[in-house]
């Protein structure tokens, strides 16, 4: 099965207590089961969040049918997802160049070793 990789970024509040709380909420078993179900139901086959300083990087692999805009619409109608998002809003802050209301900003891949010529 072909998968698509998405890389998204977001910042955390620059506060050690908020960062610790965010990390605690993301431990195994931390997010509500309904949120994990909603993620899996959308064709997201793998999702990781990496952290350094006050920056988060989300690595997401999806099926070819995945539609980020459609997921956003369904998430906005899901009270469990909205409760989770409201909780996470306390810890997160948008990147300076994010659009109004945008949380995670998708990165553009500009380099891949596989695209480079082989060296003799």
PDB file of N, CA and C in Angstrom:
ATOM      1  N   UNK A   1       0.843  -1.185   0.000  1.00  0.00           N
ATOM      2  CA  UNK A   1       0.000   0.000   0.000  1.00  0.00           C
ATOM      3  C   UNK A   1       0.887   1.246   0.000  1.00  0.00           C
ATOM      4  N   UNK A   2       0.597   2.171  -0.872  1.00  0.00           N
ATOM      5  CA  UNK A   2       1.330   3.427  -0.932  1.00  0.00           C
ATOM      6  C   UNK A   2       0.890   4.324   0.218  1.00  0.00           C
ATOM      7  N   UNK A   3       1.855   4.927   0.839  1.00  0.00           N
ATOM      8  CA  UNK A   3       1.556   5.852   1.937  1.00  0.00           C
ATOM      9  C   UNK A   3       2.167   7.208   1.626  1.00  0.00           C
ATOM     10  N   UNK A   4       1.561   8.222   2.166  1.00  0.00           N
ATOM     11  CA  UNK A   4       2.066   9.579   2.030  1.00  0.00           C
ATOM     12  C   UNK A   4       2.560  10.038   3.393  1.00  0.00           C
ATOM     13  N   UNK A   5       3.705  10.674   3.413  1.00  0.00           N
ATOM     14  CA  UNK A   5       4.250  11.204   4.665  1.00  0.00           C
ATOM     15  C   UNK A   5       3.954  12.701   4.735  1.00  0.00           C
ATOM     16  N   UNK A   6       3.499  13.138   5.901  1.00  0.00           N
ATOM     17  CA  UNK A   6       3.248  14.552   6.176  1.00  0.00           C
ATOM     18  C   UNK A   6       4.137  14.942   7.354  1.00  0.00           C
ATOM     19  N   UNK A   7       4.733  16.115   7.273  1.00  0.00           N
ATOM     20  CA  UNK A   7       5.548  16.649   8.365  1.00  0.00           C
ATOM     21  C   UNK A   7       4.942  17.998   8.735  1.00  0.00           C
ATOM     22  N   UNK A   8       4.515  18.116   9.984  1.00  0.00           N
ATOM     23  CA  UNK A   8       3.858  19.334  10.453  1.00  0.00           C
ATOM     24  C   UNK A   8       4.580  19.859  11.686  1.00  0.00           C
ATOM     25  N   UNK A   9       4.548  21.171  11.866  1.00  0.00           N
ATOM     26  CA  UNK A   9       5.234  21.798  12.984  1.00  0.00           C
ATOM     27  C   UNK A   9       4.303  22.707  13.765  1.00  0.00           C
ATOM     28  N   UNK A  10       4.613  22.846  15.041  1.00  0.00           N
ATOM     29  CA  UNK A  10       3.846  23.690  15.957  1.00  0.00           C
ATOM     30  C   UNK A  10       4.752  24.002  17.139  1.00  0.00           C
ATOM     31  N   UNK A  11       4.548  25.124  17.772  1.00  0.00           N
ATOM     32  CA  UNK A  11       5.316  25.479  18.957  1.00  0.00           C
ATOM     33  C   UNK A  11       4.501  25.263  20.220  1.00  0.00           C
ATOM     34  N   UNK A  12       5.222  25.078  21.315  1.00  0.00           N
ATOM     35  CA  UNK A  12       4.622  25.012  22.643  1.00  0.00           C
ATOM     36  C   UNK A  12       4.860  26.336  23.355  1.00  0.00           C
ATOM     37  N   UNK A  13       4.049  26.604  24.358  1.00  0.00           N
ATOM     38  CA  UNK A  13       4.328  27.746  25.219  1.00  0.00           C
ATOM     39  C   UNK A  13       5.732  27.551  25.792  1.00  0.00           C
ATOM     40  N   UNK A  14       6.507  28.615  25.821  1.00  0.00           N
ATOM     41  CA  UNK A  14       7.885  28.519  26.316  1.00  0.00           C
ATOM     42  C   UNK A  14       7.864  28.564  27.847  1.00  0.00           C
ATOM     43  N   UNK A  15       7.348  27.491  28.418  1.00  0.00           N
ATOM     44  CA  UNK A  15       7.175  27.390  29.862  1.00  0.00           C
ATOM     45  C   UNK A  15       7.433  25.937  30.249  1.00  0.00           C
ATOM     46  N   UNK A  16       8.455  25.676  31.071  1.00  0.00           N
ATOM     47  CA  UNK A  16       8.784  24.294  31.406  1.00  0.00           C
ATOM     48  C   UNK A  16       7.618  23.490  31.983  1.00  0.00           C
ATOM     49  N   UNK A  17       6.770  24.107  32.787  1.00  0.00           N
ATOM     50  CA  UNK A  17       5.637  23.375  33.363  1.00  0.00           C
ATOM     51  C   UNK A  17       4.625  23.005  32.276  1.00  0.00           C
ATOM     52  N   UNK A  18       4.367  23.923  31.356  1.00  0.00           N
ATOM     53  CA  UNK A  18       3.428  23.639  30.263  1.00  0.00           C
ATOM     54  C   UNK A  18       3.989  22.547  29.357  1.00  0.00           C
ATOM     55  N   UNK A  19       5.270  22.601  29.071  1.00  0.00           N
ATOM     56  CA  UNK A  19       5.903  21.588  28.225  1.00  0.00           C
ATOM     57  C   UNK A  19       5.830  20.222  28.906  1.00  0.00           C
ATOM     58  N   UNK A  20       6.103  20.189  30.200  1.00  0.00           N
ATOM     59  CA  UNK A  20       6.031  18.917  30.936  1.00  0.00           C
ATOM     60  C   UNK A  20       4.599  18.368  30.915  1.00  0.00           C
ATOM     61  N   UNK A  21       3.614  19.249  31.080  1.00  0.00           N
ATOM     62  CA  UNK A  21       2.221  18.809  31.051  1.00  0.00           C
ATOM     63  C   UNK A  21       1.854  18.281  29.666  1.00  0.00           C
ATOM     64  N   UNK A  22       2.286  18.960  28.623  1.00  0.00           N
ATOM     65  CA  UNK A  22       2.000  18.510  27.258  1.00  0.00           C
ATOM     66  C   UNK A  22       2.601  17.127  27.023  1.00  0.00           C
ATOM     67  N   UNK A  23       3.837  16.956  27.438  1.00  0.00           N
ATOM     68  CA  UNK A  23       4.486  15.651  27.275  1.00  0.00           C
ATOM     69  C   UNK A  23       3.738  14.579  28.077  1.00  0.00           C
ATOM     70  N   UNK A  24       3.287  14.941  29.279  1.00  0.00           N
ATOM     71  CA  UNK A  24       2.555  13.988  30.110  1.00  0.00           C
ATOM     72  C   UNK A  24       1.262  13.556  29.416  1.00  0.00           C
ATOM     73  N   UNK A  25       0.535  14.498  28.822  1.00  0.00           N
ATOM     74  CA  UNK A  25      -0.710  14.165  28.132  1.00  0.00           C
ATOM     75  C   UNK A  25      -0.476  13.255  26.926  1.00  0.00           C
ATOM     76  N   UNK A  26       0.746  13.257  26.390  1.00  0.00           N
ATOM     77  CA  UNK A  26       1.042  12.456  25.198  1.00  0.00           C
ATOM     78  C   UNK A  26       1.756  11.142  25.503  1.00  0.00           C
ATOM     79  N   UNK A  27       1.855  10.801  26.766  1.00  0.00           N
ATOM     80  CA  UNK A  27       2.455   9.506  27.128  1.00  0.00           C
ATOM     81  C   UNK A  27       1.532   8.383  26.636  1.00  0.00           C
ATOM     82  N   UNK A  28       2.033   7.146  26.549  1.00  0.00           N
ATOM     83  CA  UNK A  28       1.150   6.036  26.172  1.00  0.00           C
ATOM     84  C   UNK A  28      -0.062   5.975  27.109  1.00  0.00           C
ATOM     85  N   UNK A  29      -1.241   5.967  26.512  1.00  0.00           N
ATOM     86  CA  UNK A  29      -2.477   5.957  27.282  1.00  0.00           C
ATOM     87  C   UNK A  29      -2.944   7.337  27.706  1.00  0.00           C
ATOM     88  N   UNK A  30      -2.196   8.381  27.402  1.00  0.00           N
ATOM     89  CA  UNK A  30      -2.563   9.739  27.809  1.00  0.00           C
ATOM     90  C   UNK A  30      -3.712  10.335  27.018  1.00  0.00           C
ATOM     91  N   UNK A  31      -3.628  10.321  25.690  1.00  0.00           N
ATOM     92  CA  UNK A  31      -4.750  10.861  24.919  1.00  0.00           C
ATOM     93  C   UNK A  31      -5.994   9.986  25.078  1.00  0.00           C
ATOM     94  N   UNK A  32      -7.168  10.593  25.093  1.00  0.00           N
ATOM     95  CA  UNK A  32      -8.391   9.794  25.197  1.00  0.00           C
ATOM     96  C   UNK A  32      -8.503   8.795  24.040  1.00  0.00           C
ATOM     97  N   UNK A  33      -9.065   7.631  24.330  1.00  0.00           N
ATOM     98  CA  UNK A  33      -9.226   6.598  23.305  1.00  0.00           C
ATOM     99  C   UNK A  33     -10.028   7.115  22.120  1.00  0.00           C
ATOM    100  N   UNK A  34     -11.013   7.975  22.359  1.00  0.00           N
ATOM    101  CA  UNK A  34     -11.828   8.509  21.267  1.00  0.00           C
ATOM    102  C   UNK A  34     -10.986   9.334  20.292  1.00  0.00           C
ATOM    103  N   UNK A  35      -9.973  10.018  20.796  1.00  0.00           N
ATOM    104  CA  UNK A  35      -9.090  10.810  19.934  1.00  0.00           C
ATOM    105  C   UNK A  35      -8.233   9.885  19.085  1.00  0.00           C
ATOM    106  N   UNK A  36      -7.671   8.846  19.697  1.00  0.00           N
ATOM    107  CA  UNK A  36      -6.870   7.881  18.929  1.00  0.00           C
ATOM    108  C   UNK A  36      -7.727   7.181  17.877  1.00  0.00           C
ATOM    109  N   UNK A  37      -8.960   6.847  18.228  1.00  0.00           N
ATOM    110  CA  UNK A  37      -9.874   6.227  17.246  1.00  0.00           C
ATOM    111  C   UNK A  37     -10.141   7.172  16.085  1.00  0.00           C
ATOM    112  N   UNK A  38     -10.374   8.447  16.373  1.00  0.00           N
ATOM    113  CA  UNK A  38     -10.653   9.429  15.323  1.00  0.00           C
ATOM    114  C   UNK A  38      -9.455   9.573  14.384  1.00  0.00           C
ATOM    115  N   UNK A  39      -8.259   9.521  14.922  1.00  0.00           N
ATOM    116  CA  UNK A  39      -7.059   9.603  14.094  1.00  0.00           C
ATOM    117  C   UNK A  39      -6.977   8.390  13.178  1.00  0.00           C
ATOM    118  N   UNK A  40      -7.116   7.215  13.745  1.00  0.00           N
ATOM    119  CA  UNK A  40      -7.011   5.980  12.951  1.00  0.00           C
ATOM    120  C   UNK A  40      -8.115   5.872  11.902  1.00  0.00           C
ATOM    121  N   UNK A  41      -9.295   6.365  12.200  1.00  0.00           N
ATOM    122  CA  UNK A  41     -10.438   6.259  11.281  1.00  0.00           C
ATOM    123  C   UNK A  41     -10.255   7.102  10.025  1.00  0.00           C
ATOM    124  N   UNK A  42      -9.338   8.027  10.049  1.00  0.00           N
ATOM    125  CA  UNK A  42      -9.140   8.945   8.923  1.00  0.00           C
ATOM    126  C   UNK A  42      -8.136   8.451   7.894  1.00  0.00           C
ATOM    127  N   UNK A  43      -7.566   7.266   8.101  1.00  0.00           N
ATOM    128  CA  UNK A  43      -6.552   6.796   7.163  1.00  0.00           C
ATOM    129  C   UNK A  43      -5.147   7.201   7.569  1.00  0.00           C
ATOM    130  N   UNK A  44      -4.990   7.582   8.817  1.00  0.00           N
ATOM    131  CA  UNK A  44      -3.656   7.867   9.345  1.00  0.00           C
ATOM    132  C   UNK A  44      -3.108   6.550   9.870  1.00  0.00           C
ATOM    133  N   UNK A  45      -2.047   6.055   9.232  1.00  0.00           N
ATOM    134  CA  UNK A  45      -1.519   4.740   9.568  1.00  0.00           C
ATOM    135  C   UNK A  45      -0.387   4.801  10.583  1.00  0.00           C
ATOM    136  N   UNK A  46       0.256   5.943  10.702  1.00  0.00           N
ATOM    137  CA  UNK A  46       1.313   6.134  11.694  1.00  0.00           C
ATOM    138  C   UNK A  46       1.375   7.617  12.030  1.00  0.00           C
ATOM    139  N   UNK A  47       1.599   7.916  13.299  1.00  0.00           N
ATOM    140  CA  UNK A  47       1.703   9.304  13.727  1.00  0.00           C
ATOM    141  C   UNK A  47       2.656   9.360  14.908  1.00  0.00           C
ATOM    142  N   UNK A  48       3.651  10.230  14.802  1.00  0.00           N
ATOM    143  CA  UNK A  48       4.604  10.464  15.896  1.00  0.00           C
ATOM    144  C   UNK A  48       4.731  11.962  16.091  1.00  0.00           C
ATOM    145  N   UNK A  49       4.934  12.374  17.336  1.00  0.00           N
ATOM    146  CA  UNK A  49       5.251  13.768  17.635  1.00  0.00           C
ATOM    147  C   UNK A  49       6.626  13.787  18.287  1.00  0.00           C
ATOM    148  N   UNK A  50       7.507  14.585  17.722  1.00  0.00           N
ATOM    149  CA  UNK A  50       8.861  14.757  18.239  1.00  0.00           C
ATOM    150  C   UNK A  50       8.956  16.143  18.867  1.00  0.00           C
ATOM    151  N   UNK A  51       9.816  16.273  19.872  1.00  0.00           N
ATOM    152  CA  UNK A  51       9.889  17.511  20.648  1.00  0.00           C
ATOM    153  C   UNK A  51      11.350  17.922  20.849  1.00  0.00           C
ATOM    154  N   UNK A  52      11.618  19.218  20.691  1.00  0.00           N
ATOM    155  CA  UNK A  52      12.892  19.816  21.077  1.00  0.00           C
ATOM    156  C   UNK A  52      12.616  21.268  21.464  1.00  0.00           C
ATOM    157  N   UNK A  53      13.150  21.688  22.614  1.00  0.00           N
ATOM    158  CA  UNK A  53      12.914  23.055  23.077  1.00  0.00           C
ATOM    159  C   UNK A  53      11.429  23.323  23.207  1.00  0.00           C
ATOM    160  N   UNK A  54      10.948  24.343  22.470  1.00  0.00           N
ATOM    161  CA  UNK A  54       9.512  24.621  22.466  1.00  0.00           C
ATOM    162  C   UNK A  54       8.888  24.284  21.110  1.00  0.00           C
ATOM    163  N   UNK A  55       9.574  23.472  20.316  1.00  0.00           N
ATOM    164  CA  UNK A  55       9.099  23.103  18.972  1.00  0.00           C
ATOM    165  C   UNK A  55       8.647  21.656  18.930  1.00  0.00           C
ATOM    166  N   UNK A  56       7.536  21.422  18.242  1.00  0.00           N
ATOM    167  CA  UNK A  56       7.020  20.079  17.998  1.00  0.00           C
ATOM    168  C   UNK A  56       7.081  19.788  16.504  1.00  0.00           C
ATOM    169  N   UNK A  57       7.378  18.541  16.180  1.00  0.00           N
ATOM    170  CA  UNK A  57       7.335  18.074  14.799  1.00  0.00           C
ATOM    171  C   UNK A  57       6.466  16.824  14.781  1.00  0.00           C
ATOM    172  N   UNK A  58       5.430  16.833  13.937  1.00  0.00           N
ATOM    173  CA  UNK A  58       4.557  15.677  13.797  1.00  0.00           C
ATOM    174  C   UNK A  58       4.897  14.984  12.480  1.00  0.00           C
ATOM    175  N   UNK A  59       5.160  13.686  12.574  1.00  0.00           N
ATOM    176  CA  UNK A  59       5.375  12.857  11.395  1.00  0.00           C
ATOM    177  C   UNK A  59       4.154  11.977  11.261  1.00  0.00           C
ATOM    178  N   UNK A  60       3.507  12.060  10.110  1.00  0.00           N
ATOM    179  CA  UNK A  60       2.260  11.344   9.910  1.00  0.00           C
ATOM    180  C   UNK A  60       2.322  10.630   8.571  1.00  0.00           C
ATOM    181  N   UNK A  61       1.956   9.348   8.577  1.00  0.00           N
ATOM    182  CA  UNK A  61       1.841   8.593   7.339  1.00  0.00           C
ATOM    183  C   UNK A  61       0.369   8.270   7.132  1.00  0.00           C
ATOM    184  N   UNK A  62      -0.086   8.457   5.889  1.00  0.00           N
ATOM    185  CA  UNK A  62      -1.500   8.303   5.591  1.00  0.00           C
ATOM    186  C   UNK A  62      -1.708   7.448   4.345  1.00  0.00           C
ATOM    187  N   UNK A  63      -2.907   6.930   4.227  1.00  0.00           N
ATOM    188  CA  UNK A  63      -3.291   6.220   3.013  1.00  0.00           C
ATOM    189  C   UNK A  63      -3.495   7.250   1.900  1.00  0.00           C
ATOM    190  N   UNK A  64      -3.514   6.813   0.646  1.00  0.00           N
ATOM    191  CA  UNK A  64      -3.710   7.759  -0.461  1.00  0.00           C
ATOM    192  C   UNK A  64      -5.056   8.504  -0.380  1.00  0.00           C
ATOM    193  N   UNK A  65      -6.041   7.927   0.273  1.00  0.00           N
ATOM    194  CA  UNK A  65      -7.368   8.549   0.365  1.00  0.00           C
ATOM    195  C   UNK A  65      -7.446   9.649   1.421  1.00  0.00           C
ATOM    196  N   UNK A  66      -6.428   9.792   2.235  1.00  0.00           N
ATOM    197  CA  UNK A  66      -6.455  10.767   3.329  1.00  0.00           C
ATOM    198  C   UNK A  66      -6.685  12.174   2.794  1.00  0.00           C
ATOM    199  N   UNK A  67      -7.541  12.920   3.472  1.00  0.00           N
ATOM    200  CA  UNK A  67      -7.850  14.298   3.094  1.00  0.00           C
ATOM    201  C   UNK A  67      -7.807  15.145   4.372  1.00  0.00           C
ATOM    202  N   UNK A  68      -6.778  15.967   4.496  1.00  0.00           N
ATOM    203  CA  UNK A  68      -6.583  16.765   5.703  1.00  0.00           C
ATOM    204  C   UNK A  68      -7.748  17.728   5.930  1.00  0.00           C
ATOM    205  N   UNK A  69      -8.260  18.346   4.872  1.00  0.00           N
ATOM    206  CA  UNK A  69      -9.380  19.289   5.024  1.00  0.00           C
ATOM    207  C   UNK A  69     -10.645  18.562   5.484  1.00  0.00           C
ATOM    208  N   UNK A  70     -10.901  17.385   4.930  1.00  0.00           N
ATOM    209  CA  UNK A  70     -12.087  16.618   5.346  1.00  0.00           C
ATOM    210  C   UNK A  70     -11.948  16.169   6.791  1.00  0.00           C
ATOM    211  N   UNK A  71     -10.732  15.800   7.188  1.00  0.00           N
ATOM    212  CA  UNK A  71     -10.505  15.414   8.586  1.00  0.00           C
ATOM    213  C   UNK A  71     -10.809  16.594   9.505  1.00  0.00           C
ATOM    214  N   UNK A  72     -10.374  17.780   9.128  1.00  0.00           N
ATOM    215  CA  UNK A  72     -10.623  18.971   9.948  1.00  0.00           C
ATOM    216  C   UNK A  72     -12.117  19.208  10.132  1.00  0.00           C
ATOM    217  N   UNK A  73     -12.894  19.011   9.070  1.00  0.00           N
ATOM    218  CA  UNK A  73     -14.347  19.195   9.163  1.00  0.00           C
ATOM    219  C   UNK A  73     -14.942  18.174  10.122  1.00  0.00           C
ATOM    220  N   UNK A  74     -14.555  16.899   9.974  1.00  0.00           N
ATOM    221  CA  UNK A  74     -15.094  15.863  10.863  1.00  0.00           C
ATOM    222  C   UNK A  74     -14.657  16.097  12.309  1.00  0.00           C
ATOM    223  N   UNK A  75     -13.400  16.494  12.496  1.00  0.00           N
ATOM    224  CA  UNK A  75     -12.912  16.772  13.848  1.00  0.00           C
ATOM    225  C   UNK A  75     -13.688  17.910  14.503  1.00  0.00           C
ATOM    226  N   UNK A  76     -14.060  18.909  13.715  1.00  0.00           N
ATOM    227  CA  UNK A  76     -14.779  20.060  14.291  1.00  0.00           C
ATOM    228  C   UNK A  76     -16.170  19.668  14.786  1.00  0.00           C
ATOM    229  N   UNK A  77     -16.690  18.551  14.295  1.00  0.00           N
ATOM    230  CA  UNK A  77     -18.013  18.080  14.720  1.00  0.00           C
ATOM    231  C   UNK A  77     -17.937  16.988  15.785  1.00  0.00           C
ATOM    232  N   UNK A  78     -16.746  16.609  16.187  1.00  0.00           N
ATOM    233  CA  UNK A  78     -16.565  15.528  17.161  1.00  0.00           C
ATOM    234  C   UNK A  78     -16.295  16.131  18.538  1.00  0.00           C
ATOM    235  N   UNK A  79     -17.223  16.004  19.480  1.00  0.00           N
ATOM    236  CA  UNK A  79     -17.030  16.640  20.790  1.00  0.00           C
ATOM    237  C   UNK A  79     -15.803  16.117  21.550  1.00  0.00           C
ATOM    238  N   UNK A  80     -15.450  14.849  21.378  1.00  0.00           N
ATOM    239  CA  UNK A  80     -14.264  14.317  22.055  1.00  0.00           C
ATOM    240  C   UNK A  80     -12.987  14.941  21.498  1.00  0.00           C
ATOM    241  N   UNK A  81     -12.921  15.057  20.189  1.00  0.00           N
ATOM    242  CA  UNK A  81     -11.744  15.682  19.564  1.00  0.00           C
ATOM    243  C   UNK A  81     -11.683  17.149  19.951  1.00  0.00           C
ATOM    244  N   UNK A  82     -12.814  17.833  19.959  1.00  0.00           N
ATOM    245  CA  UNK A  82     -12.825  19.249  20.327  1.00  0.00           C
ATOM    246  C   UNK A  82     -12.406  19.462  21.776  1.00  0.00           C
ATOM    247  N   UNK A  83     -12.810  18.587  22.672  1.00  0.00           N
ATOM    248  CA  UNK A  83     -12.385  18.692  24.073  1.00  0.00           C
ATOM    249  C   UNK A  83     -10.869  18.533  24.173  1.00  0.00           C
ATOM    250  N   UNK A  84     -10.328  17.586  23.421  1.00  0.00           N
ATOM    251  CA  UNK A  84      -8.871  17.374  23.403  1.00  0.00           C
ATOM    252  C   UNK A  84      -8.158  18.609  22.839  1.00  0.00           C
ATOM    253  N   UNK A  85      -8.666  19.140  21.745  1.00  0.00           N
ATOM    254  CA  UNK A  85      -8.046  20.316  21.130  1.00  0.00           C
ATOM    255  C   UNK A  85      -8.087  21.515  22.075  1.00  0.00           C
ATOM    256  N   UNK A  86      -9.186  21.682  22.781  1.00  0.00           N
ATOM    257  CA  UNK A  86      -9.294  22.781  23.740  1.00  0.00           C
ATOM    258  C   UNK A  86      -8.269  22.620  24.862  1.00  0.00           C
ATOM    259  N   UNK A  87      -8.103  21.400  25.337  1.00  0.00           N
ATOM    260  CA  UNK A  87      -7.092  21.131  26.361  1.00  0.00           C
ATOM    261  C   UNK A  87      -5.700  21.428  25.823  1.00  0.00           C
ATOM    262  N   UNK A  88      -5.384  20.967  24.619  1.00  0.00           N
ATOM    263  CA  UNK A  88      -4.047  21.156  24.044  1.00  0.00           C
ATOM    264  C   UNK A  88      -3.759  22.623  23.733  1.00  0.00           C
ATOM    265  N   UNK A  89      -4.806  23.401  23.434  1.00  0.00           N
ATOM    266  CA  UNK A  89      -4.630  24.830  23.159  1.00  0.00           C
ATOM    267  C   UNK A  89      -3.924  25.543  24.310  1.00  0.00           C
ATOM    268  N   UNK A  90      -4.087  25.048  25.519  1.00  0.00           N
ATOM    269  CA  UNK A  90      -3.439  25.676  26.682  1.00  0.00           C
ATOM    270  C   UNK A  90      -1.919  25.610  26.584  1.00  0.00           C
ATOM    271  N   UNK A  91      -1.406  24.617  25.885  1.00  0.00           N
ATOM    272  CA  UNK A  91       0.032  24.377  25.843  1.00  0.00           C
ATOM    273  C   UNK A  91       0.678  24.828  24.533  1.00  0.00           C
ATOM    274  N   UNK A  92      -0.113  24.968  23.499  1.00  0.00           N
ATOM    275  CA  UNK A  92       0.416  25.220  22.165  1.00  0.00           C
ATOM    276  C   UNK A  92       0.357  26.698  21.803  1.00  0.00           C
ATOM    277  N   UNK A  93       1.234  27.085  20.879  1.00  0.00           N
ATOM    278  CA  UNK A  93       1.148  28.421  20.286  1.00  0.00           C
ATOM    279  C   UNK A  93       1.514  28.289  18.815  1.00  0.00           C
ATOM    280  N   UNK A  94       0.810  29.006  17.965  1.00  0.00           N
ATOM    281  CA  UNK A  94       1.053  28.865  16.528  1.00  0.00           C
ATOM    282  C   UNK A  94       2.424  29.404  16.134  1.00  0.00           C
ATOM    283  N   UNK A  95       2.930  28.880  15.049  1.00  0.00           N
ATOM    284  CA  UNK A  95       4.164  29.425  14.485  1.00  0.00           C
ATOM    285  C   UNK A  95       3.896  30.862  14.054  1.00  0.00           C
ATOM    286  N   UNK A  96       4.921  31.721  14.066  1.00  0.00           N
ATOM    287  CA  UNK A  96       4.698  33.141  13.751  1.00  0.00           C
ATOM    288  C   UNK A  96       4.084  33.381  12.367  1.00  0.00           C
ATOM    289  N   UNK A  97       4.297  32.469  11.440  1.00  0.00           N
ATOM    290  CA  UNK A  97       3.816  32.645  10.069  1.00  0.00           C
ATOM    291  C   UNK A  97       2.571  31.814   9.777  1.00  0.00           C
ATOM    292  N   UNK A  98       1.974  31.205  10.802  1.00  0.00           N
ATOM    293  CA  UNK A  98       0.751  30.409  10.615  1.00  0.00           C
ATOM    294  C   UNK A  98      -0.412  31.328  10.249  1.00  0.00           C
ATOM    295  N   UNK A  99      -1.332  30.802   9.441  1.00  0.00           N
ATOM    296  CA  UNK A  99      -2.557  31.545   9.117  1.00  0.00           C
ATOM    297  C   UNK A  99      -3.418  31.660  10.377  1.00  0.00           C
ATOM    298  N   UNK A 100      -4.315  32.611  10.404  1.00  0.00           N
ATOM    299  CA  UNK A 100      -5.243  32.755  11.532  1.00  0.00           C
ATOM    300  C   UNK A 100      -5.974  31.444  11.758  1.00  0.00           C
ATOM    301  N   UNK A 101      -5.970  30.960  12.992  1.00  0.00           N
ATOM    302  CA  UNK A 101      -6.663  29.733  13.347  1.00  0.00           C
ATOM    303  C   UNK A 101      -5.910  28.459  13.019  1.00  0.00           C
ATOM    304  N   UNK A 102      -4.758  28.569  12.369  1.00  0.00           N
ATOM    305  CA  UNK A 102      -3.982  27.382  12.005  1.00  0.00           C
ATOM    306  C   UNK A 102      -3.088  26.981  13.160  1.00  0.00           C
ATOM    307  N   UNK A 103      -3.126  25.693  13.487  1.00  0.00           N
ATOM    308  CA  UNK A 103      -2.246  25.176  14.520  1.00  0.00           C
ATOM    309  C   UNK A 103      -1.014  24.564  13.866  1.00  0.00           C
ATOM    310  N   UNK A 104      -1.138  23.326  13.447  1.00  0.00           N
ATOM    311  CA  UNK A 104      -0.021  22.623  12.819  1.00  0.00           C
ATOM    312  C   UNK A 104       0.186  23.151  11.402  1.00  0.00           C
ATOM    313  N   UNK A 105       1.444  23.466  11.064  1.00  0.00           N
ATOM    314  CA  UNK A 105       1.787  23.959   9.731  1.00  0.00           C
ATOM    315  C   UNK A 105       2.566  22.860   9.012  1.00  0.00           C
ATOM    316  N   UNK A 106       2.093  22.500   7.813  1.00  0.00           N
ATOM    317  CA  UNK A 106       2.747  21.436   7.057  1.00  0.00           C
ATOM    318  C   UNK A 106       4.023  21.967   6.413  1.00  0.00           C
ATOM    319  N   UNK A 107       5.100  21.190   6.568  1.00  0.00           N
ATOM    320  CA  UNK A 107       6.395  21.546   5.991  1.00  0.00           C
ATOM    321  C   UNK A 107       6.481  21.025   4.562  1.00  0.00           C
ATOM    322  N   UNK A 108       7.335  21.665   3.785  1.00  0.00           N
ATOM    323  CA  UNK A 108       7.589  21.245   2.414  1.00  0.00           C
ATOM    324  C   UNK A 108       8.946  20.543   2.357  1.00  0.00           C
ATOM    325  N   UNK A 109       8.960  19.342   1.800  1.00  0.00           N
ATOM    326  CA  UNK A 109      10.231  18.628   1.651  1.00  0.00           C
ATOM    327  C   UNK A 109      11.026  19.297   0.545  1.00  0.00           C
ATOM    328  N   UNK A 110      12.278  19.635   0.850  1.00  0.00           N
ATOM    329  CA  UNK A 110      13.134  20.273  -0.148  1.00  0.00           C
ATOM    330  C   UNK A 110      14.370  19.435  -0.475  1.00  0.00           C
ATOM    331  N   UNK A 111      14.562  18.321   0.235  1.00  0.00           N
ATOM    332  CA  UNK A 111      15.728  17.476  -0.006  1.00  0.00           C
ATOM    333  C   UNK A 111      15.387  16.045   0.355  1.00  0.00           C
ATOM    334  N   UNK A 112      15.873  15.131  -0.457  1.00  0.00           N
ATOM    335  CA  UNK A 112      15.782  13.705  -0.155  1.00  0.00           C
ATOM    336  C   UNK A 112      17.055  13.045  -0.683  1.00  0.00           C
ATOM    337  N   UNK A 113      17.735  12.328   0.160  1.00  0.00           N
ATOM    338  CA  UNK A 113      18.957  11.646  -0.250  1.00  0.00           C
ATOM    339  C   UNK A 113      18.680  10.714  -1.432  1.00  0.00           C
ATOM    340  N   UNK A 114      17.517  10.084  -1.431  1.00  0.00           N
ATOM    341  CA  UNK A 114      17.173   9.163  -2.507  1.00  0.00           C
ATOM    342  C   UNK A 114      17.125   9.848  -3.871  1.00  0.00           C
ATOM    343  N   UNK A 115      16.919  11.154  -3.887  1.00  0.00           N
ATOM    344  CA  UNK A 115      16.865  11.914  -5.147  1.00  0.00           C
ATOM    345  C   UNK A 115      18.242  12.338  -5.631  1.00  0.00           C
ATOM    346  N   UNK A 116      19.251  12.136  -4.824  1.00  0.00           N
ATOM    347  CA  UNK A 116      20.605  12.595  -5.163  1.00  0.00           C
ATOM    348  C   UNK A 116      21.335  11.510  -5.966  1.00  0.00           C
ATOM    349  N   UNK A 117      22.197  11.932  -6.888  1.00  0.00           N
ATOM    350  CA  UNK A 117      22.962  10.936  -7.655  1.00  0.00           C
ATOM    351  C   UNK A 117      23.895  10.157  -6.736  1.00  0.00           C
ATOM    352  N   UNK A 118      24.117   8.918  -7.099  1.00  0.00           N
ATOM    353  CA  UNK A 118      25.047   8.067  -6.345  1.00  0.00           C
ATOM    354  C   UNK A 118      26.469   8.550  -6.579  1.00  0.00           C
ATOM    355  N   UNK A 119      27.281   8.431  -5.567  1.00  0.00           N
ATOM    356  CA  UNK A 119      28.697   8.808  -5.687  1.00  0.00           C
ATOM    357  C   UNK A 119      29.505   7.571  -6.009  1.00  0.00           C
ATOM    358  N   UNK A 120      30.473   7.720  -6.915  1.00  0.00           N
ATOM    359  CA  UNK A 120      31.305   6.548  -7.245  1.00  0.00           C
ATOM    360  C   UNK A 120      32.193   6.102  -6.099  1.00  0.00           C
TER     361      UNK A 120
END
